[in-house]
Amino acid sequence: MLDEKTPPVTELDRLSAIIAHVNEISNTHFTEEDKVKISRIANTINSNKDFQESLKTNTKSNLKLLFKRLFNTNLADMYESDFNFYKKIEENIELKELLKEHLFEEVFRHGRESNP
């Protein structure tokens, strides 16, 4: 049971915690605008038809492979529309992998809650 004084943890709260963790470990700084872009990537992947179908039938490790492909595709789509954001992630392999790992866990958790 939730404590009435403690507000429920939202998806945005969890994403903000992920970004704060990534910022701390990778010594980078994602802005509020960057957080919105990362959230958009996560939402796009989560709403992807193939990803939704895979949630129902595949193992977590197979789903992770699809997630990584979709993440890379979404990031590549930003090359022309938002080169600075693309470059911030793409130039730091450790940051990119850390972000992918944490975002996958969040998208996986959200997907499982939405499709039990």
N, C-alpha and C. Protein backbone atom coordinates (compact mmCIF):
# COMPACT_ATOMS: atom_id res chain seq x y z
N MET A 1 0.84 -1.18 0.00
CA MET A 1 0.00 0.00 0.00
C MET A 1 0.88 1.24 0.00
N LEU A 2 0.54 2.21 -0.84
CA LEU A 2 1.33 3.44 -0.93
C LEU A 2 1.03 4.35 0.25
N ASP A 3 2.05 4.97 0.74
CA ASP A 3 1.90 6.00 1.76
C ASP A 3 1.23 7.20 1.10
N GLU A 4 0.20 7.73 1.73
CA GLU A 4 -0.54 8.85 1.13
C GLU A 4 0.34 10.08 0.96
N LYS A 5 1.40 10.20 1.74
CA LYS A 5 2.29 11.35 1.64
C LYS A 5 3.29 11.18 0.49
N THR A 6 3.48 9.96 0.02
CA THR A 6 4.44 9.68 -1.03
C THR A 6 3.70 9.58 -2.36
N PRO A 7 3.97 10.50 -3.28
CA PRO A 7 3.29 10.40 -4.57
C PRO A 7 3.77 9.18 -5.34
N PRO A 8 2.92 8.63 -6.20
CA PRO A 8 3.35 7.45 -6.97
C PRO A 8 4.49 7.82 -7.92
N VAL A 9 5.35 6.85 -8.16
CA VAL A 9 6.48 7.06 -9.06
C VAL A 9 5.95 6.97 -10.50
N THR A 10 6.22 8.00 -11.27
CA THR A 10 5.75 8.03 -12.65
C THR A 10 6.86 7.56 -13.59
N GLU A 11 6.46 7.32 -14.82
CA GLU A 11 7.44 6.94 -15.84
C GLU A 11 8.48 8.05 -16.01
N LEU A 12 8.03 9.30 -15.96
CA LEU A 12 8.95 10.43 -16.08
C LEU A 12 9.94 10.46 -14.92
N ASP A 13 9.46 10.14 -13.71
CA ASP A 13 10.35 10.09 -12.55
C ASP A 13 11.43 9.03 -12.74
N ARG A 14 11.01 7.86 -13.24
CA ARG A 14 11.97 6.78 -13.46
C ARG A 14 12.97 7.16 -14.55
N LEU A 15 12.48 7.79 -15.61
CA LEU A 15 13.37 8.23 -16.68
C LEU A 15 14.35 9.29 -16.17
N SER A 16 13.87 10.21 -15.36
CA SER A 16 14.75 11.23 -14.79
C SER A 16 15.83 10.59 -13.92
N ALA A 17 15.46 9.56 -13.17
CA ALA A 17 16.44 8.85 -12.34
C ALA A 17 17.48 8.15 -13.20
N ILE A 18 17.03 7.55 -14.30
CA ILE A 18 17.95 6.89 -15.23
C ILE A 18 18.93 7.91 -15.79
N ILE A 19 18.42 9.04 -16.23
CA ILE A 19 19.27 10.06 -16.84
C ILE A 19 20.24 10.63 -15.81
N ALA A 20 19.78 10.83 -14.59
CA ALA A 20 20.68 11.32 -13.53
C ALA A 20 21.81 10.31 -13.29
N HIS A 21 21.46 9.04 -13.27
CA HIS A 21 22.47 7.98 -13.08
C HIS A 21 23.46 7.96 -14.24
N VAL A 22 22.95 8.05 -15.46
CA VAL A 22 23.81 8.06 -16.64
C VAL A 22 24.71 9.30 -16.63
N ASN A 23 24.15 10.45 -16.28
CA ASN A 23 24.94 11.69 -16.18
C ASN A 23 26.09 11.52 -15.19
N GLU A 24 25.77 10.92 -14.04
CA GLU A 24 26.77 10.75 -12.99
C GLU A 24 27.89 9.81 -13.43
N ILE A 25 27.52 8.68 -13.98
CA ILE A 25 28.52 7.67 -14.35
C ILE A 25 29.36 8.10 -15.55
N SER A 26 28.71 8.67 -16.54
CA SER A 26 29.42 8.99 -17.78
C SER A 26 29.98 10.41 -17.81
N ASN A 27 29.77 11.15 -16.72
CA ASN A 27 30.28 12.51 -16.62
C ASN A 27 29.81 13.38 -17.78
N THR A 28 28.54 13.29 -18.08
CA THR A 28 27.93 14.09 -19.12
C THR A 28 26.77 14.87 -18.51
N HIS A 29 26.13 15.68 -19.33
CA HIS A 29 24.99 16.44 -18.81
C HIS A 29 23.89 16.47 -19.85
N PHE A 30 22.83 15.72 -19.59
CA PHE A 30 21.65 15.79 -20.43
C PHE A 30 20.77 16.91 -19.91
N THR A 31 20.35 17.75 -20.82
CA THR A 31 19.47 18.87 -20.46
C THR A 31 18.02 18.37 -20.37
N GLU A 32 17.14 19.25 -19.93
CA GLU A 32 15.71 18.90 -19.90
C GLU A 32 15.22 18.58 -21.31
N GLU A 33 15.70 19.32 -22.28
CA GLU A 33 15.33 19.06 -23.68
C GLU A 33 15.83 17.69 -24.13
N ASP A 34 17.04 17.32 -23.69
CA ASP A 34 17.58 16.00 -24.01
C ASP A 34 16.72 14.90 -23.38
N LYS A 35 16.25 15.15 -22.15
CA LYS A 35 15.39 14.18 -21.47
C LYS A 35 14.12 13.92 -22.27
N VAL A 36 13.58 14.98 -22.85
CA VAL A 36 12.37 14.83 -23.68
C VAL A 36 12.70 13.97 -24.90
N LYS A 37 13.84 14.19 -25.50
CA LYS A 37 14.24 13.42 -26.68
C LYS A 37 14.45 11.94 -26.33
N ILE A 38 15.07 11.69 -25.19
CA ILE A 38 15.29 10.31 -24.75
C ILE A 38 13.95 9.65 -24.44
N SER A 39 13.06 10.40 -23.83
CA SER A 39 11.72 9.88 -23.55
C SER A 39 11.00 9.54 -24.85
N ARG A 40 11.16 10.38 -25.85
CA ARG A 40 10.53 10.12 -27.16
C ARG A 40 11.07 8.84 -27.79
N ILE A 41 12.39 8.64 -27.68
CA ILE A 41 12.99 7.41 -28.21
C ILE A 41 12.38 6.20 -27.50
N ALA A 42 12.32 6.25 -26.17
CA ALA A 42 11.77 5.14 -25.39
C ALA A 42 10.31 4.89 -25.77
N ASN A 43 9.53 5.95 -25.90
CA ASN A 43 8.11 5.80 -26.25
C ASN A 43 7.93 5.26 -27.66
N THR A 44 8.77 5.70 -28.59
CA THR A 44 8.70 5.21 -29.97
C THR A 44 9.00 3.71 -30.01
N ILE A 45 10.01 3.30 -29.27
CA ILE A 45 10.35 1.87 -29.23
C ILE A 45 9.23 1.08 -28.58
N ASN A 46 8.74 1.59 -27.46
CA ASN A 46 7.69 0.89 -26.72
C ASN A 46 6.41 0.73 -27.54
N SER A 47 6.14 1.69 -28.42
CA SER A 47 4.91 1.61 -29.21
C SER A 47 5.13 0.92 -30.57
N ASN A 48 6.36 0.52 -30.85
CA ASN A 48 6.66 -0.17 -32.10
C ASN A 48 5.93 -1.51 -32.15
N LYS A 49 5.25 -1.77 -33.26
CA LYS A 49 4.44 -2.98 -33.40
C LYS A 49 5.27 -4.25 -33.22
N ASP A 50 6.44 -4.31 -33.83
CA ASP A 50 7.30 -5.49 -33.70
C ASP A 50 7.75 -5.69 -32.25
N PHE A 51 8.05 -4.58 -31.59
CA PHE A 51 8.48 -4.67 -30.20
C PHE A 51 7.33 -5.18 -29.32
N GLN A 52 6.13 -4.66 -29.55
CA GLN A 52 4.97 -5.10 -28.78
C GLN A 52 4.70 -6.59 -28.98
N GLU A 53 4.81 -7.05 -30.21
CA GLU A 53 4.62 -8.48 -30.48
C GLU A 53 5.70 -9.31 -29.82
N SER A 54 6.93 -8.82 -29.87
CA SER A 54 8.04 -9.54 -29.27
C SER A 54 7.91 -9.62 -27.75
N LEU A 55 7.32 -8.61 -27.16
CA LEU A 55 7.09 -8.63 -25.71
C LEU A 55 6.25 -9.84 -25.31
N LYS A 56 5.34 -10.21 -26.18
CA LYS A 56 4.42 -11.31 -25.87
C LYS A 56 5.06 -12.68 -26.05
N THR A 57 6.04 -12.79 -26.94
CA THR A 57 6.50 -14.11 -27.32
C THR A 57 7.99 -14.38 -27.11
N ASN A 58 8.81 -13.37 -27.03
CA ASN A 58 10.26 -13.59 -26.98
C ASN A 58 10.82 -13.53 -25.57
N THR A 59 12.01 -14.10 -25.44
CA THR A 59 12.74 -14.01 -24.18
C THR A 59 13.26 -12.58 -24.01
N LYS A 60 13.64 -12.26 -22.81
CA LYS A 60 14.17 -10.92 -22.53
C LYS A 60 15.43 -10.66 -23.35
N SER A 61 16.29 -11.65 -23.51
CA SER A 61 17.53 -11.44 -24.27
C SER A 61 17.25 -11.21 -25.74
N ASN A 62 16.26 -11.91 -26.32
CA ASN A 62 15.90 -11.65 -27.71
C ASN A 62 15.26 -10.28 -27.87
N LEU A 63 14.45 -9.91 -26.90
CA LEU A 63 13.81 -8.60 -26.92
C LEU A 63 14.86 -7.48 -26.84
N LYS A 64 15.90 -7.73 -26.08
CA LYS A 64 16.97 -6.74 -25.94
C LYS A 64 17.67 -6.50 -27.28
N LEU A 65 17.85 -7.55 -28.07
CA LEU A 65 18.46 -7.40 -29.39
C LEU A 65 17.60 -6.50 -30.29
N LEU A 66 16.29 -6.72 -30.25
CA LEU A 66 15.38 -5.88 -31.03
C LEU A 66 15.41 -4.44 -30.51
N PHE A 67 15.42 -4.28 -29.19
CA PHE A 67 15.47 -2.95 -28.60
C PHE A 67 16.72 -2.20 -29.08
N LYS A 68 17.86 -2.86 -29.06
CA LYS A 68 19.11 -2.20 -29.47
C LYS A 68 19.04 -1.76 -30.94
N ARG A 69 18.47 -2.61 -31.78
CA ARG A 69 18.32 -2.24 -33.19
C ARG A 69 17.40 -1.04 -33.33
N LEU A 70 16.28 -1.04 -32.62
CA LEU A 70 15.33 0.08 -32.69
C LEU A 70 15.94 1.36 -32.10
N PHE A 71 16.69 1.23 -31.02
CA PHE A 71 17.36 2.38 -30.42
C PHE A 71 18.32 3.00 -31.43
N ASN A 72 19.15 2.16 -32.04
CA ASN A 72 20.13 2.66 -33.01
C ASN A 72 19.44 3.32 -34.21
N THR A 73 18.34 2.73 -34.66
CA THR A 73 17.59 3.31 -35.78
C THR A 73 17.01 4.67 -35.40
N ASN A 74 16.43 4.75 -34.20
CA ASN A 74 15.85 6.02 -33.75
C ASN A 74 16.92 7.09 -33.57
N LEU A 75 18.06 6.69 -33.05
CA LEU A 75 19.16 7.64 -32.88
C LEU A 75 19.67 8.10 -34.24
N ALA A 76 19.83 7.18 -35.17
CA ALA A 76 20.30 7.53 -36.52
C ALA A 76 19.32 8.48 -37.20
N ASP A 77 18.04 8.33 -36.94
CA ASP A 77 17.04 9.24 -37.52
C ASP A 77 17.24 10.67 -37.04
N MET A 78 17.93 10.84 -35.92
CA MET A 78 18.16 12.18 -35.37
C MET A 78 19.41 12.83 -35.95
N TYR A 79 20.15 12.10 -36.75
CA TYR A 79 21.40 12.62 -37.31
C TYR A 79 21.19 13.97 -37.99
N GLU A 80 20.20 14.05 -38.86
CA GLU A 80 19.97 15.30 -39.58
C GLU A 80 19.10 16.29 -38.81
N SER A 81 18.15 15.78 -38.06
CA SER A 81 17.22 16.69 -37.38
C SER A 81 17.79 17.28 -36.10
N ASP A 82 18.72 16.57 -35.45
CA ASP A 82 19.29 17.06 -34.19
C ASP A 82 20.71 16.51 -34.03
N PHE A 83 21.59 17.01 -34.86
CA PHE A 83 22.95 16.48 -34.91
C PHE A 83 23.67 16.59 -33.57
N ASN A 84 23.48 17.67 -32.83
CA ASN A 84 24.19 17.83 -31.55
C ASN A 84 23.80 16.75 -30.54
N PHE A 85 22.52 16.43 -30.48
CA PHE A 85 22.07 15.37 -29.59
C PHE A 85 22.62 14.02 -30.06
N TYR A 86 22.52 13.77 -31.35
CA TYR A 86 23.04 12.54 -31.94
C TYR A 86 24.53 12.38 -31.60
N LYS A 87 25.29 13.45 -31.80
CA LYS A 87 26.73 13.42 -31.57
C LYS A 87 27.06 13.20 -30.08
N LYS A 88 26.27 13.81 -29.20
CA LYS A 88 26.51 13.67 -27.76
C LYS A 88 26.47 12.19 -27.35
N ILE A 89 25.54 11.44 -27.93
CA ILE A 89 25.41 10.03 -27.58
C ILE A 89 26.37 9.17 -28.40
N GLU A 90 26.43 9.42 -29.68
CA GLU A 90 27.20 8.56 -30.58
C GLU A 90 28.71 8.64 -30.33
N GLU A 91 29.21 9.77 -29.91
CA GLU A 91 30.65 9.92 -29.70
C GLU A 91 31.15 9.28 -28.42
N ASN A 92 30.25 8.94 -27.53
CA ASN A 92 30.66 8.35 -26.25
C ASN A 92 30.04 6.95 -26.15
N ILE A 93 30.78 5.95 -26.56
CA ILE A 93 30.28 4.58 -26.63
C ILE A 93 29.81 4.10 -25.26
N GLU A 94 30.57 4.41 -24.21
CA GLU A 94 30.18 4.01 -22.85
C GLU A 94 28.83 4.62 -22.48
N LEU A 95 28.66 5.89 -22.78
CA LEU A 95 27.40 6.58 -22.52
C LEU A 95 26.26 5.93 -23.30
N LYS A 96 26.50 5.68 -24.57
CA LYS A 96 25.48 5.09 -25.43
C LYS A 96 25.04 3.73 -24.91
N GLU A 97 26.00 2.89 -24.55
CA GLU A 97 25.67 1.55 -24.05
C GLU A 97 24.96 1.61 -22.70
N LEU A 98 25.41 2.49 -21.85
CA LEU A 98 24.77 2.66 -20.53
C LEU A 98 23.33 3.14 -20.69
N LEU A 99 23.14 4.11 -21.55
CA LEU A 99 21.80 4.63 -21.80
C LEU A 99 20.90 3.54 -22.39
N LYS A 100 21.43 2.79 -23.35
CA LYS A 100 20.66 1.69 -23.96
C LYS A 100 20.25 0.67 -22.90
N GLU A 101 21.19 0.30 -22.06
CA GLU A 101 20.92 -0.72 -21.03
C GLU A 101 19.82 -0.27 -20.08
N HIS A 102 19.94 0.94 -19.58
CA HIS A 102 18.95 1.44 -18.63
C HIS A 102 17.59 1.70 -19.29
N LEU A 103 17.62 2.24 -20.48
CA LEU A 103 16.36 2.47 -21.19
C LEU A 103 15.67 1.14 -21.51
N PHE A 104 16.45 0.14 -21.90
CA PHE A 104 15.85 -1.17 -22.17
C PHE A 104 15.11 -1.67 -20.93
N GLU A 105 15.74 -1.60 -19.78
CA GLU A 105 15.11 -2.10 -18.56
C GLU A 105 13.81 -1.35 -18.28
N GLU A 106 13.82 -0.04 -18.51
CA GLU A 106 12.61 0.76 -18.28
C GLU A 106 11.51 0.41 -19.29
N VAL A 107 11.87 0.31 -20.56
CA VAL A 107 10.89 -0.01 -21.59
C VAL A 107 10.37 -1.44 -21.38
N PHE A 108 11.25 -2.34 -21.01
CA PHE A 108 10.85 -3.73 -20.74
C PHE A 108 9.86 -3.77 -19.58
N ARG A 109 10.19 -3.09 -18.49
CA ARG A 109 9.31 -3.05 -17.32
C ARG A 109 7.95 -2.46 -17.69
N HIS A 110 7.98 -1.35 -18.40
CA HIS A 110 6.73 -0.70 -18.81
C HIS A 110 5.92 -1.60 -19.72
N GLY A 111 6.59 -2.25 -20.64
CA GLY A 111 5.90 -3.16 -21.57
C GLY A 111 5.27 -4.33 -20.86
N ARG A 112 5.96 -4.89 -19.90
CA ARG A 112 5.42 -6.02 -19.14
C ARG A 112 4.22 -5.59 -18.28
N GLU A 113 4.28 -4.37 -17.74
CA GLU A 113 3.15 -3.88 -16.94
C GLU A 113 1.94 -3.63 -17.83
N SER A 114 2.18 -3.18 -19.06
CA SER A 114 1.09 -2.89 -19.99
C SER A 114 0.51 -4.16 -20.62
N ASN A 115 1.35 -5.20 -20.75
CA ASN A 115 0.94 -6.47 -21.37
C ASN A 115 1.28 -7.64 -20.46
N PRO A 116 0.59 -7.80 -19.35
CA PRO A 116 0.96 -8.87 -18.40
C PRO A 116 0.77 -10.26 -18.97
